[in-house]
Amino acid sequence: MTAPLHEARSTGRRRALPDTQQGMRRRNLARVMHAVRAEGPLSRAAVASRIGLTRAAVSTLVDELVRAGLLEELGPERPGRVGRPGSALAVSGRGPAGIGAEIGVDHLAVCAVDLTGATRARAIRQGANRGRSPEPVIAELTGLIRQVVSEAENEGLWPAGLAVAVPGLVARDARTVVRAPNLDWHDIDLGALLPADLAPTVDNEANFGALAELWLGEGEGAGAGAGAGEGEGRPRDFLHVSAEIGIGAALVVDGGLLRGARGFAGELGHVPVRPDGPACVCGGRGCLEQYAGEEAVLRAAGLEPGRDRVGVLAGRAAEGDENVRHALRDAGSALGIALTGAVNLLDPESVVLGGELSGLAPWLLPSLRDELARRTAGPACPVSVSRLGPEGPLLGAAHSVVRAVLDDPAAYAGRP
């Protein structure tokens, strides 16, 4: 099952299938799954109308998906419809589930998401991971993964795959962490340390956060620039900023990730905003993280790092603490300067602020928007705040596995 999951990781788009009769059947199975997932419950006739196939063809496909446990029949449609009522179809809440995991600088998290998109199990461990070697961190993460898988199995689910979000550069092999400065990890083959039976894949946390925004999000205050995406109000072209201790970004273009030649696109936190500024863990100077990362904002506000950093900053700012508000204004300005270069170069439809710092948006956005408006060559780029916040990377990881199942259900039919 590695191939479907890897395709979902590497493109953020539906998996390309061979242009053969078998490939066409698999594509049509995927079309049925996506139609029912997006608009269900639906009858066979309604599915046929939406995807442009005959009722007979759709009925054959539906029967195959029901037998595989991927769709379920809910009984006759509601009364009042003309003609013989059909049986309503829905995506099954049992069967394959996506397992998502996140390695943060100060936490580990795991969740299981079923095909309906519901989170069915979750586990989290708070504790510093910076400076620890990967082996004990992954051992702890594996314990959480096994716990979540066990809870999911008790509800009639089985793991279709595992996707892991990490705060660093990940090679195109979807397993090697080339560099994670805030963890002090370099050239680590995480794929070799993760549970092989779950077909693990690894990606940058900002990429998974952007995919979660594409599939699930609906940013606040997006304005006229936000176009429709997977659902109403979800843009398909945007720059997603995932900001906490580190700051990453991911560019979504026409519903897919723009990764760059080596897969390293989006390192916004290491864009210099003041070239003569303080040294950064990446080896550069004056990087954005030195002005807008959580720890930098705490230093500027004269506060000590703690467990609930964002909560402390938000509370002090709401109370009118001028030192905190000044630090947040400066952080917003630094974000605006860094984003100006990205906006001028890439011309995204909108910018979405996610991650932990999205909780500080009321105090960050005014100066951020001012810098963008003052420095952007073209019209002002709308800036919105992700409703997913810090949950984005973890949910994006789990949903990437779910999307792989929806994109090629024939590869996941029944228990492996």
Protein backbone atom coordinates (compact mmCIF):
# COMPACT_ATOMS: atom_id res chain seq x y z
CA MET A 1 0.00 0.00 0.00
CA THR A 2 3.00 2.30 -0.05
CA ALA A 3 2.43 3.54 -3.60
CA PRO A 4 -1.02 5.12 -3.11
CA LEU A 5 0.09 6.80 0.10
CA HIS A 6 3.33 8.02 -1.46
CA GLU A 7 1.41 9.54 -4.38
CA ALA A 8 -0.85 11.38 -1.98
CA ARG A 9 2.21 12.68 -0.14
CA SER A 10 4.17 13.72 -3.18
CA THR A 11 1.55 15.68 -5.06
CA GLY A 12 -1.48 16.41 -2.95
CA ARG A 13 -3.50 15.40 -6.00
CA ARG A 14 -5.41 12.32 -7.03
CA ARG A 15 -3.27 9.38 -7.99
CA ALA A 16 -2.75 8.82 -11.72
CA LEU A 17 -3.90 5.37 -12.82
CA PRO A 18 -3.03 3.51 -16.04
CA ASP A 19 -5.18 4.36 -19.06
CA THR A 20 -6.44 0.78 -19.46
CA GLN A 21 -9.80 -0.91 -18.86
CA GLN A 22 -8.63 -1.86 -15.37
CA GLY A 23 -7.34 1.63 -14.79
CA MET A 24 -10.67 3.09 -15.93
CA ARG A 25 -12.55 0.85 -13.52
CA ARG A 26 -10.33 1.97 -10.65
CA ARG A 27 -10.79 5.62 -11.62
CA ASN A 28 -14.56 5.16 -11.67
CA LEU A 29 -14.48 3.50 -8.26
CA ALA A 30 -12.63 6.57 -7.01
CA ARG A 31 -15.18 8.88 -8.63
CA VAL A 32 -18.00 7.08 -6.85
CA MET A 33 -16.17 7.29 -3.51
CA HIS A 34 -15.47 11.00 -3.88
CA ALA A 35 -19.05 11.77 -4.94
CA VAL A 36 -20.55 9.96 -1.96
CA ARG A 37 -17.98 11.40 0.44
CA ALA A 38 -18.58 14.96 -0.81
CA GLU A 39 -22.37 14.94 -1.13
CA GLY A 40 -23.70 11.77 0.49
CA PRO A 41 -25.89 10.13 1.45
CA LEU A 42 -26.75 9.57 -2.23
CA SER A 43 -28.71 6.97 -4.15
CA ARG A 44 -27.15 5.06 -7.02
CA ALA A 45 -29.17 7.20 -9.43
CA ALA A 46 -27.88 10.38 -7.83
CA VAL A 47 -24.30 9.13 -8.03
CA ALA A 48 -24.78 8.26 -11.71
CA SER A 49 -26.13 11.76 -12.38
CA ARG A 50 -23.19 13.43 -10.66
CA ILE A 51 -20.38 11.48 -12.32
CA GLY A 52 -21.97 10.99 -15.73
CA LEU A 53 -22.15 7.18 -15.85
CA THR A 54 -25.14 4.92 -16.43
CA ARG A 55 -27.13 3.63 -13.48
CA ALA A 56 -26.16 0.07 -14.38
CA ALA A 57 -22.44 0.94 -14.41
CA VAL A 58 -22.70 2.80 -11.11
CA SER A 59 -24.68 -0.02 -9.52
CA THR A 60 -21.90 -2.47 -10.37
CA LEU A 61 -19.27 -0.15 -8.92
CA VAL A 62 -21.33 0.51 -5.80
CA ASP A 63 -21.87 -3.21 -5.21
CA GLU A 64 -18.10 -3.73 -5.35
CA LEU A 65 -17.45 -0.90 -2.88
CA VAL A 66 -20.16 -2.15 -0.50
CA ARG A 67 -18.70 -5.67 -0.56
CA ALA A 68 -15.27 -4.18 0.16
CA GLY A 69 -16.67 -2.37 3.21
CA LEU A 70 -15.89 1.10 1.85
CA LEU A 71 -19.52 2.16 1.28
CA GLU A 72 -22.59 1.25 3.29
CA GLU A 73 -26.30 1.28 2.48
CA LEU A 74 -28.44 3.24 4.91
CA GLY A 75 -31.84 2.08 3.68
CA PRO A 76 -34.49 3.75 1.48
CA GLU A 77 -34.18 7.44 0.72
CA ARG A 78 -36.54 9.83 2.46
CA PRO A 79 -40.19 9.66 1.29
CA GLY A 80 -41.73 12.24 -1.01
CA ARG A 81 -39.46 11.62 -3.98
CA VAL A 82 -40.97 10.70 -7.35
CA GLY A 83 -40.55 7.06 -8.39
CA ARG A 84 -39.26 4.05 -6.52
CA PRO A 85 -37.02 5.09 -3.65
CA GLY A 86 -33.39 4.06 -3.93
CA SER A 87 -31.14 3.00 -1.10
CA ALA A 88 -29.08 5.84 0.34
CA LEU A 89 -25.32 5.30 0.21
CA ALA A 90 -22.72 6.69 2.59
CA VAL A 91 -18.99 6.27 3.12
CA SER A 92 -18.43 3.62 5.76
CA GLY A 93 -17.35 4.64 9.24
CA ARG A 94 -15.71 1.23 9.58
CA GLY A 95 -12.87 -0.29 7.57
CA PRO A 96 -9.73 1.64 6.54
CA ALA A 97 -8.53 4.59 8.61
CA GLY A 98 -5.74 7.09 8.15
CA ILE A 99 -3.19 7.26 10.94
CA GLY A 100 -1.54 10.66 11.24
CA ALA A 101 1.36 11.53 13.53
CA GLU A 102 3.25 14.73 14.32
CA ILE A 103 6.71 15.21 15.77
CA GLY A 104 6.82 18.67 17.30
CA VAL A 105 9.64 20.42 19.10
CA ASP A 106 7.78 20.00 22.37
CA HIS A 107 5.13 17.36 21.72
CA LEU A 108 4.20 14.14 19.94
CA ALA A 109 0.68 13.55 18.64
CA VAL A 110 -1.18 10.76 16.81
CA CYS A 111 -4.73 10.45 15.53
CA ALA A 112 -6.90 8.05 13.51
CA VAL A 113 -9.38 9.41 10.95
CA ASP A 114 -12.01 7.26 9.26
CA LEU A 115 -13.21 7.59 5.66
CA THR A 116 -16.00 9.96 6.68
CA GLY A 117 -13.36 12.38 7.96
CA ALA A 118 -14.17 11.85 11.64
CA THR A 119 -11.33 11.63 14.15
CA ARG A 120 -11.88 8.35 16.01
CA ALA A 121 -8.84 8.12 18.29
CA ARG A 122 -6.14 10.47 19.52
CA ALA A 123 -3.07 10.46 21.76
CA ILE A 124 -0.60 13.19 22.70
CA ARG A 125 2.58 13.45 24.78
CA GLN A 126 3.91 16.81 25.91
CA GLY A 127 7.65 17.07 26.39
CA ALA A 128 10.74 18.56 24.77
CA ASN A 129 12.19 16.72 21.76
CA ARG A 130 14.84 19.28 20.85
CA GLY A 131 18.33 17.84 21.11
CA ARG A 132 17.11 14.28 21.68
CA SER A 133 18.31 11.59 19.31
CA PRO A 134 15.64 10.31 16.91
CA GLU A 135 15.56 6.72 18.22
CA PRO A 136 13.95 7.37 21.65
CA VAL A 137 11.61 9.97 20.15
CA ILE A 138 10.38 7.52 17.51
CA ALA A 139 10.12 4.77 20.14
CA GLU A 140 7.75 7.00 22.14
CA LEU A 141 5.88 7.97 19.00
CA THR A 142 5.51 4.30 18.03
CA GLY A 143 3.96 3.60 21.43
CA LEU A 144 1.38 6.33 20.80
CA ILE A 145 0.76 4.99 17.29
CA ARG A 146 0.12 1.48 18.60
CA GLN A 147 -2.23 2.90 21.23
CA VAL A 148 -4.26 4.82 18.63
CA VAL A 149 -4.32 1.86 16.23
CA SER A 150 -5.60 -0.39 19.02
CA GLU A 151 -8.36 2.09 19.91
CA ALA A 152 -9.31 2.40 16.23
CA GLU A 153 -9.40 -1.38 15.79
CA ASN A 154 -11.79 -1.62 18.75
CA GLU A 155 -14.18 0.50 16.69
CA GLY A 156 -13.99 -1.69 13.61
CA LEU A 157 -11.23 0.22 11.81
CA TRP A 158 -7.88 -0.91 10.43
CA PRO A 159 -4.87 1.26 9.52
CA ALA A 160 -4.59 1.99 5.81
CA GLY A 161 -1.23 3.69 6.34
CA LEU A 162 0.75 6.10 8.47
CA ALA A 163 1.80 9.66 7.61
CA VAL A 164 4.17 11.60 9.88
CA ALA A 165 4.60 15.39 9.97
CA VAL A 166 8.01 16.73 11.00
CA PRO A 167 9.37 20.29 11.39
CA GLY A 168 12.14 20.03 8.81
CA LEU A 169 13.26 19.35 5.28
CA VAL A 170 12.15 15.95 3.96
CA ALA A 171 13.66 14.34 0.87
CA ARG A 172 11.50 13.23 -2.02
CA ASP A 173 11.81 9.63 -0.84
CA ALA A 174 9.18 10.58 1.79
CA ARG A 175 11.24 9.04 4.61
CA THR A 176 14.52 10.95 5.07
CA VAL A 177 14.68 14.06 7.26
CA VAL A 178 17.52 15.97 5.63
CA ARG A 179 17.54 18.76 8.18
CA ALA A 180 15.33 19.71 11.12
CA PRO A 181 17.17 22.60 12.81
CA ASN A 182 14.77 22.99 15.73
CA LEU A 183 15.18 19.30 16.58
CA ASP A 184 18.90 19.23 15.68
CA TRP A 185 18.32 16.25 13.36
CA HIS A 186 20.29 15.76 10.16
CA ASP A 187 20.05 13.06 7.48
CA ILE A 188 17.84 10.73 9.50
CA ASP A 189 16.01 7.87 7.75
CA LEU A 190 12.79 8.01 9.78
CA GLY A 191 11.23 5.44 7.50
CA ALA A 192 13.61 2.84 8.92
CA LEU A 193 12.59 3.71 12.50
CA LEU A 194 8.81 3.85 12.02
CA PRO A 195 6.52 0.77 12.04
CA ALA A 196 7.07 -0.88 8.65
CA ASP A 197 3.71 -2.68 8.74
CA LEU A 198 1.94 0.71 8.50
CA ALA A 199 3.66 1.75 5.25
CA PRO A 200 4.95 4.99 6.79
CA THR A 201 5.51 8.18 4.81
CA VAL A 202 7.08 11.40 6.12
CA ASP A 203 6.58 15.01 5.08
CA ASN A 204 7.16 18.54 6.29
CA GLU A 205 4.56 19.74 8.78
CA ALA A 206 3.82 22.90 6.78
CA ASN A 207 2.96 20.79 3.74
CA PHE A 208 0.51 18.70 5.73
CA GLY A 209 -0.91 21.88 7.26
CA ALA A 210 -1.50 23.31 3.79
CA LEU A 211 -3.18 20.10 2.60
CA ALA A 212 -5.43 20.14 5.66
CA GLU A 213 -6.39 23.71 4.81
CA LEU A 214 -7.11 22.68 1.22
CA TRP A 215 -9.27 19.72 2.21
CA LEU A 216 -10.82 20.85 5.50
CA GLY A 217 -10.21 24.52 6.10
CA GLU A 218 -12.29 27.59 5.64
CA GLY A 219 -10.20 30.54 6.75
CA GLU A 220 -11.73 33.50 8.56
CA GLY A 221 -11.80 36.82 6.78
CA ALA A 222 -10.43 35.52 3.51
CA GLY A 223 -12.16 38.25 1.55
CA ALA A 224 -12.85 38.41 -2.17
CA GLY A 225 -9.55 36.85 -3.13
CA ALA A 226 -10.35 33.39 -1.78
CA GLY A 227 -11.70 31.13 -4.48
CA ALA A 228 -13.59 27.87 -4.18
CA GLY A 229 -11.65 24.71 -3.51
CA GLU A 230 -12.63 21.24 -2.29
CA GLY A 231 -15.69 22.86 -0.73
CA GLU A 232 -17.35 26.22 -0.54
CA GLY A 233 -14.95 28.92 0.63
CA ARG A 234 -11.80 26.80 0.35
CA PRO A 235 -9.23 28.30 -2.02
CA ARG A 236 -7.19 26.12 -4.40
CA ASP A 237 -4.35 28.65 -4.78
CA PHE A 238 -2.85 30.01 -1.57
CA LEU A 239 0.29 30.37 0.52
CA HIS A 240 -0.10 28.62 3.86
CA VAL A 241 2.11 29.77 6.75
CA SER A 242 2.58 27.34 9.62
CA ALA A 243 4.04 29.29 12.48
CA GLU A 244 5.15 28.27 15.98
CA ILE A 245 8.73 27.80 17.29
CA GLY A 246 9.73 27.39 13.64
CA ILE A 247 8.01 29.00 10.69
CA GLY A 248 7.31 27.06 7.53
CA ALA A 249 5.19 27.70 4.48
CA ALA A 250 3.65 25.72 1.65
CA LEU A 251 2.34 26.95 -1.67
CA VAL A 252 -0.79 25.30 -3.05
CA VAL A 253 -1.27 25.83 -6.79
CA ASP A 254 -4.45 24.58 -8.46
CA GLY A 255 -5.06 22.14 -5.63
CA GLY A 256 -1.53 20.67 -5.49
CA LEU A 257 1.64 21.42 -3.54
CA LEU A 258 4.52 23.22 -5.23
CA ARG A 259 7.50 21.37 -3.75
CA GLY A 260 10.57 22.59 -5.60
CA ALA A 261 13.28 20.57 -7.31
CA ARG A 262 14.40 18.73 -4.15
CA GLY A 263 11.13 18.95 -2.22
CA PHE A 264 12.40 21.71 0.07
CA ALA A 265 10.17 24.63 -0.97
CA GLY A 266 8.54 26.67 1.77
CA GLU A 267 11.32 27.41 4.28
CA LEU A 268 9.89 30.84 5.02
CA GLY A 269 11.32 30.89 8.53
CA HIS A 270 14.85 31.04 7.14
CA VAL A 271 14.23 33.92 4.79
CA PRO A 272 16.38 36.81 6.10
CA VAL A 273 14.36 39.87 7.03
CA ARG A 274 17.34 41.74 8.52
CA PRO A 275 20.62 40.40 7.08
CA ASP A 276 22.69 41.80 9.94
CA GLY A 277 20.39 40.31 12.59
CA PRO A 278 21.07 37.57 15.16
CA ALA A 279 22.45 34.15 14.25
CA CYS A 280 19.93 31.44 13.45
CA VAL A 281 20.12 27.67 14.02
CA CYS A 282 20.12 27.21 10.22
CA GLY A 283 23.51 28.96 10.02
CA GLY A 284 22.21 32.23 8.59
CA ARG A 285 21.57 35.58 10.24
CA GLY A 286 18.47 37.70 10.70
CA CYS A 287 16.06 34.93 9.66
CA LEU A 288 12.33 35.42 10.12
CA GLU A 289 12.24 32.86 12.97
CA GLN A 290 14.52 35.14 14.99
CA TYR A 291 11.77 37.77 14.99
CA ALA A 292 8.44 35.96 14.61
CA GLY A 293 8.93 32.47 16.07
CA GLU A 294 7.27 31.78 19.42
CA GLU A 295 10.52 31.87 21.41
CA ALA A 296 11.64 35.08 19.70
CA VAL A 297 8.34 36.80 20.56
CA LEU A 298 8.61 35.64 24.18
CA ARG A 299 12.15 37.04 24.41
CA ALA A 300 11.08 40.35 22.92
CA ALA A 301 8.18 40.52 25.39
CA GLY A 302 10.48 39.76 28.34
CA LEU A 303 8.71 36.48 29.16
CA GLU A 304 10.16 33.08 30.00
CA PRO A 305 9.37 30.11 27.73
CA GLY A 306 6.73 27.81 29.21
CA ARG A 307 4.38 25.04 28.22
CA ASP A 308 1.49 27.27 27.04
CA ARG A 309 3.49 29.94 25.26
CA VAL A 310 0.75 31.13 22.94
CA GLY A 311 -1.83 31.13 25.72
CA VAL A 312 0.42 33.31 27.89
CA LEU A 313 1.09 35.75 25.05
CA ALA A 314 -2.58 35.96 24.08
CA GLY A 315 -3.64 36.46 27.69
CA ARG A 316 -1.11 39.24 28.29
CA ALA A 317 -1.96 40.93 24.99
CA ALA A 318 -5.69 40.81 25.76
CA GLU A 319 -4.98 42.38 29.15
CA GLY A 320 -3.21 45.27 27.44
CA ASP A 321 0.42 44.38 28.26
CA GLU A 322 2.23 46.86 26.02
CA ASN A 323 5.50 44.91 25.98
CA VAL A 324 3.69 41.86 24.60
CA ARG A 325 1.68 43.90 22.13
CA HIS A 326 4.82 45.63 20.89
CA ALA A 327 6.58 42.26 20.47
CA LEU A 328 3.61 40.92 18.50
CA ARG A 329 3.47 44.03 16.29
CA ASP A 330 7.15 43.59 15.49
CA ALA A 331 6.62 39.89 14.77
CA GLY A 332 3.74 40.76 12.44
CA SER A 333 5.95 43.27 10.62
CA ALA A 334 8.70 40.70 10.18
CA LEU A 335 6.16 38.20 8.84
CA GLY A 336 4.86 40.83 6.45
CA ILE A 337 8.36 41.59 5.14
CA ALA A 338 9.12 37.91 4.52
CA LEU A 339 5.72 37.30 2.95
CA THR A 340 6.10 40.30 0.65
CA GLY A 341 8.94 38.57 -1.18
CA ALA A 342 6.88 35.39 -1.54
CA VAL A 343 3.78 37.26 -2.68
CA ASN A 344 5.68 39.36 -5.21
CA LEU A 345 7.48 36.29 -6.58
CA LEU A 346 4.64 33.77 -6.57
CA ASP A 347 1.42 35.83 -6.77
CA PRO A 348 -0.78 33.56 -4.61
CA GLU A 349 -4.50 34.18 -4.48
CA SER A 350 -4.38 34.50 -0.71
CA VAL A 351 -2.22 33.93 2.37
CA VAL A 352 -3.47 31.70 5.20
CA LEU A 353 -1.93 31.96 8.68
CA GLY A 354 -1.99 28.64 10.55
CA GLY A 355 -0.11 26.88 13.31
CA GLU A 356 0.17 27.99 16.92
CA LEU A 357 0.65 31.66 16.07
CA SER A 358 -2.78 31.77 14.43
CA GLY A 359 -4.03 32.16 18.00
CA LEU A 360 -2.23 35.52 18.11
CA ALA A 361 -3.73 36.78 14.86
CA PRO A 362 -5.59 39.78 16.39
CA TRP A 363 -2.26 41.34 17.33
CA LEU A 364 -0.12 40.03 14.45
CA LEU A 365 -2.34 40.77 11.47
CA PRO A 366 -2.54 44.59 11.55
CA SER A 367 1.21 45.12 11.14
CA LEU A 368 1.53 42.08 8.83
CA ARG A 369 -1.15 43.45 6.51
CA ASP A 370 0.36 46.93 6.65
CA GLU A 371 3.74 45.62 5.47
CA LEU A 372 2.13 43.57 2.68
CA ALA A 373 0.04 46.50 1.49
CA ARG A 374 3.02 48.86 1.55
CA ARG A 375 5.52 46.53 -0.14
CA THR A 376 3.54 44.37 -2.56
CA ALA A 377 3.90 45.39 -6.19
CA GLY A 378 0.40 44.32 -7.24
CA PRO A 379 -3.00 44.55 -5.50
CA ALA A 380 -3.13 43.72 -1.83
CA CYS A 381 -3.08 39.97 -1.15
CA PRO A 382 -5.89 38.83 1.21
CA VAL A 383 -4.72 37.29 4.48
CA SER A 384 -6.94 34.89 6.43
CA VAL A 385 -6.57 32.82 9.59
CA SER A 386 -6.91 29.05 9.51
CA ARG A 387 -9.71 27.63 11.65
CA LEU A 388 -7.57 24.50 12.05
CA GLY A 389 -4.79 26.32 13.91
CA PRO A 390 -2.17 24.00 15.42
CA GLU A 391 -4.24 20.93 14.49
CA GLY A 392 -3.53 21.40 10.78
CA PRO A 393 -0.35 19.28 10.35
CA LEU A 394 -1.67 16.31 12.33
CA LEU A 395 -5.04 16.34 10.54
CA GLY A 396 -3.36 16.85 7.18
CA ALA A 397 -1.18 13.79 7.79
CA ALA A 398 -4.12 11.55 8.69
CA HIS A 399 -6.30 12.88 5.88
CA SER A 400 -3.52 12.29 3.33
CA VAL A 401 -3.94 8.57 4.02
CA VAL A 402 -7.73 8.87 3.79
CA ARG A 403 -7.40 10.67 0.46
CA ALA A 404 -5.17 7.90 -0.83
CA VAL A 405 -7.94 5.41 -0.08
CA LEU A 406 -10.58 7.59 -1.76
CA ASP A 407 -8.32 8.12 -4.79
CA ASP A 408 -7.74 4.39 -5.35
CA PRO A 409 -10.22 2.36 -3.27
CA ALA A 410 -9.44 -0.85 -5.18
CA ALA A 411 -5.97 -0.85 -3.59
CA TYR A 412 -7.49 -0.81 -0.09
CA ALA A 413 -10.51 -3.08 -0.49
CA GLY A 414 -10.90 -5.26 2.59
CA ARG A 415 -8.43 -5.89 5.39
CA PRO A 416 -4.83 -6.24 4.17
